[in-house]
Amino acid sequence: MAIKTEDIRQALRDFTAQGVATMIGTVSEVDATERTCTLTHEDVAYYGVRLQPVTGGSAGLLVTPKEGAMALAVRIEENDGWMIVHTDEVETIEVKAGDTTVTINAD
């Protein structure tokens, strides 16, 4: 049975109405360019979960989780947005300050 968009929206409304401020899920897809990922929690996919407070930028600290990693997300203020604050497996860590960028990975 296919999940309808309205069913997903209602599930999100129900979830956020509970006052839930955190969730743990599995990272299923990462968009390094937009600095977002998809996080799956209890069979519901949350798209556009931020990897840092401001998406689409190129400065600051970026911790990119591995696909399949468990991650903890916090709700951003009073909207439906989420942000990853910790993950159990890291693909890369990038720090950009001014014109200098340092990237740490397994290599």
C-alpha atoms as a PDB file:
ATOM      1  CA  MET A   1       0.000   0.000   0.000  1.00  0.00           C
ATOM      2  CA  ALA A   2       1.374   3.392  -0.990  1.00  0.00           C
ATOM      3  CA  ILE A   3       1.592   6.102   1.635  1.00  0.00           C
ATOM      4  CA  LYS A   4      -0.376   9.200   0.677  1.00  0.00           C
ATOM      5  CA  THR A   5       1.120  12.645   1.090  1.00  0.00           C
ATOM      6  CA  GLU A   6      -1.742  13.709   3.348  1.00  0.00           C
ATOM      7  CA  ASP A   7      -1.106  10.691   5.615  1.00  0.00           C
ATOM      8  CA  ILE A   8       2.526  11.757   5.971  1.00  0.00           C
ATOM      9  CA  ARG A   9       1.542  15.335   6.729  1.00  0.00           C
ATOM     10  CA  GLN A  10      -0.924  14.172   9.362  1.00  0.00           C
ATOM     11  CA  ALA A  11       1.697  11.913  10.937  1.00  0.00           C
ATOM     12  CA  LEU A  12       4.086  14.887  11.118  1.00  0.00           C
ATOM     13  CA  ARG A  13       1.379  17.055  12.685  1.00  0.00           C
ATOM     14  CA  ASP A  14       0.630  14.354  15.242  1.00  0.00           C
ATOM     15  CA  PHE A  15       4.322  13.869  15.982  1.00  0.00           C
ATOM     16  CA  THR A  16       5.030  17.575  16.480  1.00  0.00           C
ATOM     17  CA  ALA A  17       1.812  18.111  18.460  1.00  0.00           C
ATOM     18  CA  GLN A  18       3.210  15.772  21.094  1.00  0.00           C
ATOM     19  CA  GLY A  19       5.829  18.410  21.866  1.00  0.00           C
ATOM     20  CA  VAL A  20       8.634  16.115  20.774  1.00  0.00           C
ATOM     21  CA  ALA A  21      11.868  18.084  20.628  1.00  0.00           C
ATOM     22  CA  THR A  22      14.283  15.278  19.695  1.00  0.00           C
ATOM     23  CA  MET A  23      14.285  12.083  17.692  1.00  0.00           C
ATOM     24  CA  ILE A  24      16.746   9.332  16.848  1.00  0.00           C
ATOM     25  CA  GLY A  25      16.698   7.844  13.381  1.00  0.00           C
ATOM     26  CA  THR A  26      18.726   6.369  10.571  1.00  0.00           C
ATOM     27  CA  VAL A  27      20.416   8.553   7.958  1.00  0.00           C
ATOM     28  CA  SER A  28      19.302   7.253   4.579  1.00  0.00           C
ATOM     29  CA  GLU A  29      20.536   9.949   2.201  1.00  0.00           C
ATOM     30  CA  VAL A  30      22.948  12.894   2.424  1.00  0.00           C
ATOM     31  CA  ASP A  31      23.006  16.034   0.257  1.00  0.00           C
ATOM     32  CA  ALA A  32      26.418  17.599   0.957  1.00  0.00           C
ATOM     33  CA  THR A  33      25.710  20.571  -1.324  1.00  0.00           C
ATOM     34  CA  GLU A  34      22.579  21.609   0.567  1.00  0.00           C
ATOM     35  CA  ARG A  35      24.017  20.363   3.872  1.00  0.00           C
ATOM     36  CA  THR A  36      20.935  18.273   4.583  1.00  0.00           C
ATOM     37  CA  CYS A  37      20.008  14.621   4.913  1.00  0.00           C
ATOM     38  CA  THR A  38      17.016  12.317   5.084  1.00  0.00           C
ATOM     39  CA  LEU A  39      16.408  10.815   8.508  1.00  0.00           C
ATOM     40  CA  THR A  40      14.058   7.860   8.968  1.00  0.00           C
ATOM     41  CA  HIS A  41      12.304   7.493  12.332  1.00  0.00           C
ATOM     42  CA  GLU A  42       9.675   4.787  12.947  1.00  0.00           C
ATOM     43  CA  ASP A  43       9.275   4.163   9.183  1.00  0.00           C
ATOM     44  CA  VAL A  44       8.674   7.866   8.432  1.00  0.00           C
ATOM     45  CA  ALA A  45      11.260   9.693   6.296  1.00  0.00           C
ATOM     46  CA  TYR A  46      12.056  13.281   7.260  1.00  0.00           C
ATOM     47  CA  TYR A  47      13.554  15.098   4.266  1.00  0.00           C
ATOM     48  CA  GLY A  48      15.753  18.182   4.420  1.00  0.00           C
ATOM     49  CA  VAL A  49      17.053  17.547   7.939  1.00  0.00           C
ATOM     50  CA  ARG A  50      19.810  20.101   8.417  1.00  0.00           C
ATOM     51  CA  LEU A  51      23.429  19.173   9.081  1.00  0.00           C
ATOM     52  CA  GLN A  52      24.067  22.660  10.428  1.00  0.00           C
ATOM     53  CA  PRO A  53      21.772  25.523  11.449  1.00  0.00           C
ATOM     54  CA  VAL A  54      21.983  27.344   8.105  1.00  0.00           C
ATOM     55  CA  THR A  55      21.569  25.260   4.946  1.00  0.00           C
ATOM     56  CA  GLY A  56      23.154  25.944   1.589  1.00  0.00           C
ATOM     57  CA  GLY A  57      26.063  27.874   3.062  1.00  0.00           C
ATOM     58  CA  SER A  58      29.706  26.961   2.863  1.00  0.00           C
ATOM     59  CA  ALA A  59      31.180  28.312   6.089  1.00  0.00           C
ATOM     60  CA  GLY A  60      31.425  27.051   9.637  1.00  0.00           C
ATOM     61  CA  LEU A  61      31.486  23.483  10.951  1.00  0.00           C
ATOM     62  CA  LEU A  62      29.930  20.627   8.976  1.00  0.00           C
ATOM     63  CA  VAL A  63      29.761  17.075  10.330  1.00  0.00           C
ATOM     64  CA  THR A  64      28.498  14.777   7.570  1.00  0.00           C
ATOM     65  CA  PRO A  65      27.069  11.468   8.809  1.00  0.00           C
ATOM     66  CA  LYS A  66      27.547   8.212   6.899  1.00  0.00           C
ATOM     67  CA  GLU A  67      24.487   6.812   5.193  1.00  0.00           C
ATOM     68  CA  GLY A  68      23.034   4.146   7.482  1.00  0.00           C
ATOM     69  CA  ALA A  69      24.315   5.868  10.632  1.00  0.00           C
ATOM     70  CA  MET A  70      22.118   6.502  13.644  1.00  0.00           C
ATOM     71  CA  ALA A  71      21.664  10.200  14.352  1.00  0.00           C
ATOM     72  CA  LEU A  72      20.040  12.416  16.951  1.00  0.00           C
ATOM     73  CA  ALA A  73      18.049  15.369  15.624  1.00  0.00           C
ATOM     74  CA  VAL A  74      16.541  18.325  17.454  1.00  0.00           C
ATOM     75  CA  ARG A  75      13.513  20.271  16.374  1.00  0.00           C
ATOM     76  CA  ILE A  76      14.241  23.813  15.199  1.00  0.00           C
ATOM     77  CA  GLU A  77      12.167  26.197  17.263  1.00  0.00           C
ATOM     78  CA  GLU A  78       8.424  25.857  16.670  1.00  0.00           C
ATOM     79  CA  ASN A  79       8.403  24.705  13.049  1.00  0.00           C
ATOM     80  CA  ASP A  80       8.667  21.335  11.329  1.00  0.00           C
ATOM     81  CA  GLY A  81      12.414  21.691  10.715  1.00  0.00           C
ATOM     82  CA  TRP A  82      15.023  19.349  12.214  1.00  0.00           C
ATOM     83  CA  MET A  83      18.802  19.455  12.624  1.00  0.00           C
ATOM     84  CA  ILE A  84      21.286  16.654  13.282  1.00  0.00           C
ATOM     85  CA  VAL A  85      23.266  17.282  16.480  1.00  0.00           C
ATOM     86  CA  HIS A  86      25.087  13.941  16.809  1.00  0.00           C
ATOM     87  CA  THR A  87      25.735  10.821  14.777  1.00  0.00           C
ATOM     88  CA  ASP A  88      27.381   7.506  15.563  1.00  0.00           C
ATOM     89  CA  GLU A  89      29.274   7.316  12.233  1.00  0.00           C
ATOM     90  CA  VAL A  90      30.919  10.250  10.492  1.00  0.00           C
ATOM     91  CA  GLU A  91      31.813  10.459   6.799  1.00  0.00           C
ATOM     92  CA  THR A  92      33.631  13.813   6.987  1.00  0.00           C
ATOM     93  CA  ILE A  93      34.183  16.789   9.236  1.00  0.00           C
ATOM     94  CA  GLU A  94      34.770  20.103   7.532  1.00  0.00           C
ATOM     95  CA  VAL A  95      35.708  23.394   9.127  1.00  0.00           C
ATOM     96  CA  LYS A  96      35.802  26.573   7.065  1.00  0.00           C
ATOM     97  CA  ALA A  97      37.069  29.821   8.531  1.00  0.00           C
ATOM     98  CA  GLY A  98      37.570  32.681   6.099  1.00  0.00           C
ATOM     99  CA  ASP A  99      39.457  31.371   3.078  1.00  0.00           C
ATOM    100  CA  THR A 100      40.777  28.297   4.908  1.00  0.00           C
ATOM    101  CA  THR A 101      39.021  24.919   4.814  1.00  0.00           C
ATOM    102  CA  VAL A 102      40.122  21.821   6.732  1.00  0.00           C
ATOM    103  CA  THR A 103      38.495  18.478   5.880  1.00  0.00           C
ATOM    104  CA  ILE A 104      38.902  15.355   8.010  1.00  0.00           C
ATOM    105  CA  ASN A 105      37.897  11.952   6.642  1.00  0.00           C
ATOM    106  CA  ALA A 106      39.001   8.307   6.855  1.00  0.00           C
ATOM    107  CA  ASP A 107      41.773   8.912   4.310  1.00  0.00           C
END
